[in-house]
N, C-alpha and C. Protein backbone atom coordinates (compact mmCIF):
# COMPACT_ATOMS: atom_id res chain seq x y z
N MET A 1 -77.40 25.85 52.64
CA MET A 1 -76.91 24.78 51.81
C MET A 1 -75.38 24.74 51.90
N ILE A 2 -74.83 23.58 51.81
CA ILE A 2 -73.40 23.37 51.95
C ILE A 2 -72.62 24.10 50.86
N MET A 3 -73.08 24.03 49.62
CA MET A 3 -72.35 24.68 48.52
C MET A 3 -72.36 26.19 48.65
N ASP A 4 -73.46 26.76 49.14
CA ASP A 4 -73.51 28.21 49.36
C ASP A 4 -72.43 28.64 50.34
N GLU A 5 -72.33 27.93 51.45
CA GLU A 5 -71.33 28.27 52.46
C GLU A 5 -69.91 28.06 51.94
N GLY A 6 -69.69 26.98 51.22
CA GLY A 6 -68.37 26.73 50.66
C GLY A 6 -67.98 27.76 49.62
N HIS A 7 -68.96 28.25 48.90
CA HIS A 7 -68.71 29.24 47.85
C HIS A 7 -68.46 30.62 48.43
N ARG A 8 -69.13 30.94 49.54
CA ARG A 8 -69.02 32.26 50.13
C ARG A 8 -67.97 32.36 51.23
N SER A 9 -67.38 31.26 51.61
CA SER A 9 -66.42 31.31 52.72
C SER A 9 -65.22 32.18 52.37
N GLY A 10 -64.59 32.75 53.38
CA GLY A 10 -63.45 33.63 53.16
C GLY A 10 -62.25 32.93 52.55
N LEU A 11 -62.17 31.62 52.70
CA LEU A 11 -61.01 30.89 52.19
C LEU A 11 -61.18 30.45 50.75
N GLY A 12 -62.39 30.45 50.25
CA GLY A 12 -62.61 29.96 48.90
C GLY A 12 -63.52 30.85 48.09
N ILE A 13 -63.19 32.10 47.96
CA ILE A 13 -64.05 33.03 47.24
C ILE A 13 -63.98 32.72 45.75
N HIS A 14 -65.05 32.25 45.19
CA HIS A 14 -65.16 31.90 43.78
C HIS A 14 -63.98 31.05 43.31
N PRO A 15 -63.81 29.89 43.94
CA PRO A 15 -62.63 29.09 43.67
C PRO A 15 -62.65 28.33 42.36
N GLY A 16 -63.79 28.17 41.74
CA GLY A 16 -63.88 27.33 40.56
C GLY A 16 -64.33 25.94 40.95
N VAL A 17 -64.68 25.14 39.96
CA VAL A 17 -65.27 23.83 40.21
C VAL A 17 -64.30 22.90 40.92
N THR A 18 -63.10 22.76 40.41
CA THR A 18 -62.16 21.79 40.96
C THR A 18 -61.78 22.11 42.40
N LYS A 19 -61.44 23.36 42.66
CA LYS A 19 -61.05 23.76 44.02
C LYS A 19 -62.20 23.59 45.00
N MET A 20 -63.39 24.00 44.59
CA MET A 20 -64.54 23.88 45.48
C MET A 20 -64.85 22.41 45.77
N TYR A 21 -64.76 21.57 44.74
CA TYR A 21 -65.01 20.14 44.93
C TYR A 21 -63.98 19.53 45.88
N GLN A 22 -62.71 19.85 45.69
CA GLN A 22 -61.67 19.30 46.55
C GLN A 22 -61.83 19.76 48.00
N ASP A 23 -62.19 21.03 48.19
CA ASP A 23 -62.38 21.54 49.55
C ASP A 23 -63.58 20.89 50.24
N LEU A 24 -64.70 20.78 49.53
CA LEU A 24 -65.90 20.20 50.14
C LEU A 24 -65.76 18.69 50.33
N ARG A 25 -65.01 18.04 49.44
CA ARG A 25 -64.85 16.59 49.53
C ARG A 25 -64.14 16.17 50.81
N LYS A 26 -63.34 17.06 51.37
CA LYS A 26 -62.64 16.75 52.62
C LYS A 26 -63.62 16.59 53.79
N LEU A 27 -64.76 17.26 53.70
CA LEU A 27 -65.72 17.25 54.81
C LEU A 27 -67.04 16.55 54.49
N PHE A 28 -67.43 16.55 53.21
CA PHE A 28 -68.75 16.03 52.83
C PHE A 28 -68.63 15.17 51.59
N TRP A 29 -69.65 14.35 51.39
CA TRP A 29 -69.78 13.60 50.14
C TRP A 29 -71.23 13.24 49.96
N TRP A 30 -71.73 13.33 48.73
CA TRP A 30 -73.06 12.85 48.39
C TRP A 30 -73.05 12.42 46.93
N LEU A 31 -74.01 11.61 46.56
CA LEU A 31 -74.12 11.09 45.21
C LEU A 31 -74.36 12.23 44.24
N GLY A 32 -73.58 12.30 43.19
CA GLY A 32 -73.70 13.36 42.19
C GLY A 32 -73.09 14.68 42.63
N MET A 33 -72.20 14.63 43.61
CA MET A 33 -71.63 15.84 44.20
C MET A 33 -70.89 16.70 43.17
N LYS A 34 -70.02 16.10 42.38
CA LYS A 34 -69.20 16.87 41.44
C LYS A 34 -70.08 17.56 40.39
N LYS A 35 -71.09 16.87 39.91
CA LYS A 35 -71.99 17.46 38.91
C LYS A 35 -72.76 18.63 39.50
N GLN A 36 -73.26 18.47 40.72
CA GLN A 36 -74.00 19.55 41.36
C GLN A 36 -73.11 20.76 41.62
N ILE A 37 -71.88 20.52 42.02
CA ILE A 37 -70.96 21.63 42.26
C ILE A 37 -70.65 22.36 40.96
N SER A 38 -70.41 21.63 39.89
CA SER A 38 -70.11 22.29 38.61
C SER A 38 -71.29 23.11 38.12
N GLU A 39 -72.51 22.59 38.25
CA GLU A 39 -73.69 23.35 37.85
C GLU A 39 -73.85 24.60 38.72
N PHE A 40 -73.58 24.46 40.00
CA PHE A 40 -73.70 25.58 40.93
C PHE A 40 -72.70 26.69 40.60
N VAL A 41 -71.44 26.31 40.36
CA VAL A 41 -70.40 27.30 40.09
C VAL A 41 -70.63 27.97 38.74
N TYR A 42 -70.98 27.19 37.71
CA TYR A 42 -71.19 27.78 36.39
C TYR A 42 -72.41 28.69 36.35
N ALA A 43 -73.34 28.53 37.28
CA ALA A 43 -74.52 29.39 37.35
C ALA A 43 -74.23 30.69 38.10
N CYS A 44 -73.08 30.80 38.75
CA CYS A 44 -72.73 31.98 39.54
C CYS A 44 -72.32 33.12 38.61
N LEU A 45 -73.01 34.25 38.69
CA LEU A 45 -72.72 35.38 37.82
C LEU A 45 -71.34 35.99 38.11
N VAL A 46 -70.96 36.05 39.37
CA VAL A 46 -69.65 36.60 39.72
C VAL A 46 -68.54 35.73 39.14
N TYR A 47 -68.70 34.42 39.20
CA TYR A 47 -67.71 33.50 38.63
C TYR A 47 -67.60 33.71 37.13
N GLN A 48 -68.75 33.83 36.44
CA GLN A 48 -68.74 34.03 35.00
C GLN A 48 -68.03 35.33 34.62
N LYS A 49 -68.29 36.40 35.37
CA LYS A 49 -67.64 37.68 35.08
C LYS A 49 -66.15 37.62 35.34
N SER A 50 -65.74 36.96 36.41
CA SER A 50 -64.31 36.90 36.71
C SER A 50 -63.57 36.05 35.69
N LYS A 51 -64.20 35.01 35.17
CA LYS A 51 -63.56 34.19 34.16
C LYS A 51 -63.36 34.99 32.88
N ILE A 52 -64.33 35.81 32.51
CA ILE A 52 -64.21 36.62 31.30
C ILE A 52 -63.11 37.65 31.46
N GLU A 53 -63.03 38.28 32.62
CA GLU A 53 -62.02 39.32 32.86
C GLU A 53 -60.61 38.76 32.85
N HIS A 54 -60.41 37.50 33.19
CA HIS A 54 -59.07 36.94 33.29
C HIS A 54 -58.62 36.20 32.04
N GLN A 55 -59.42 36.22 30.99
CA GLN A 55 -59.01 35.59 29.75
C GLN A 55 -58.38 36.64 28.84
N LYS A 56 -57.31 36.27 28.18
CA LYS A 56 -56.68 37.24 27.29
C LYS A 56 -57.51 37.36 26.01
N PRO A 57 -57.47 38.50 25.38
CA PRO A 57 -58.24 38.70 24.15
C PRO A 57 -57.81 37.71 23.08
N SER A 58 -58.74 37.32 22.25
CA SER A 58 -58.45 36.31 21.24
C SER A 58 -57.59 36.85 20.10
N GLY A 59 -57.54 38.16 19.92
CA GLY A 59 -56.73 38.74 18.85
C GLY A 59 -57.54 38.93 17.58
N LEU A 60 -56.86 39.38 16.55
CA LEU A 60 -57.54 39.64 15.28
C LEU A 60 -57.73 38.35 14.51
N LEU A 61 -58.81 38.28 13.78
CA LEU A 61 -59.05 37.11 12.93
C LEU A 61 -58.22 37.24 11.67
N GLN A 62 -57.69 36.14 11.22
CA GLN A 62 -56.88 36.11 10.01
C GLN A 62 -57.66 35.40 8.91
N PRO A 63 -57.64 35.94 7.69
CA PRO A 63 -58.35 35.26 6.60
C PRO A 63 -57.67 33.93 6.28
N MET A 64 -58.49 32.95 5.93
CA MET A 64 -57.96 31.64 5.56
C MET A 64 -57.66 31.62 4.07
N PHE A 65 -56.56 31.00 3.71
CA PHE A 65 -56.20 30.85 2.30
C PHE A 65 -56.93 29.63 1.75
N ILE A 66 -57.69 29.82 0.70
CA ILE A 66 -58.40 28.71 0.08
C ILE A 66 -57.78 28.48 -1.29
N PRO A 67 -57.17 27.30 -1.51
CA PRO A 67 -56.50 27.03 -2.80
C PRO A 67 -57.46 26.84 -3.95
């Protein structure tokens, strides 16, 4: 499948939805392409793990003042 190859290629290792779409759009196009790419990338376990690792911690929760 085209998305598998684009996702696994040495130049675009887990690039994210936008980068993968832009790279594949240069060579291919099909109806519903962007939606299929986003579903494919968000279903990738390696992508999900790398996104979690690169997000900064949310910090401590602060109590809200209620008047």
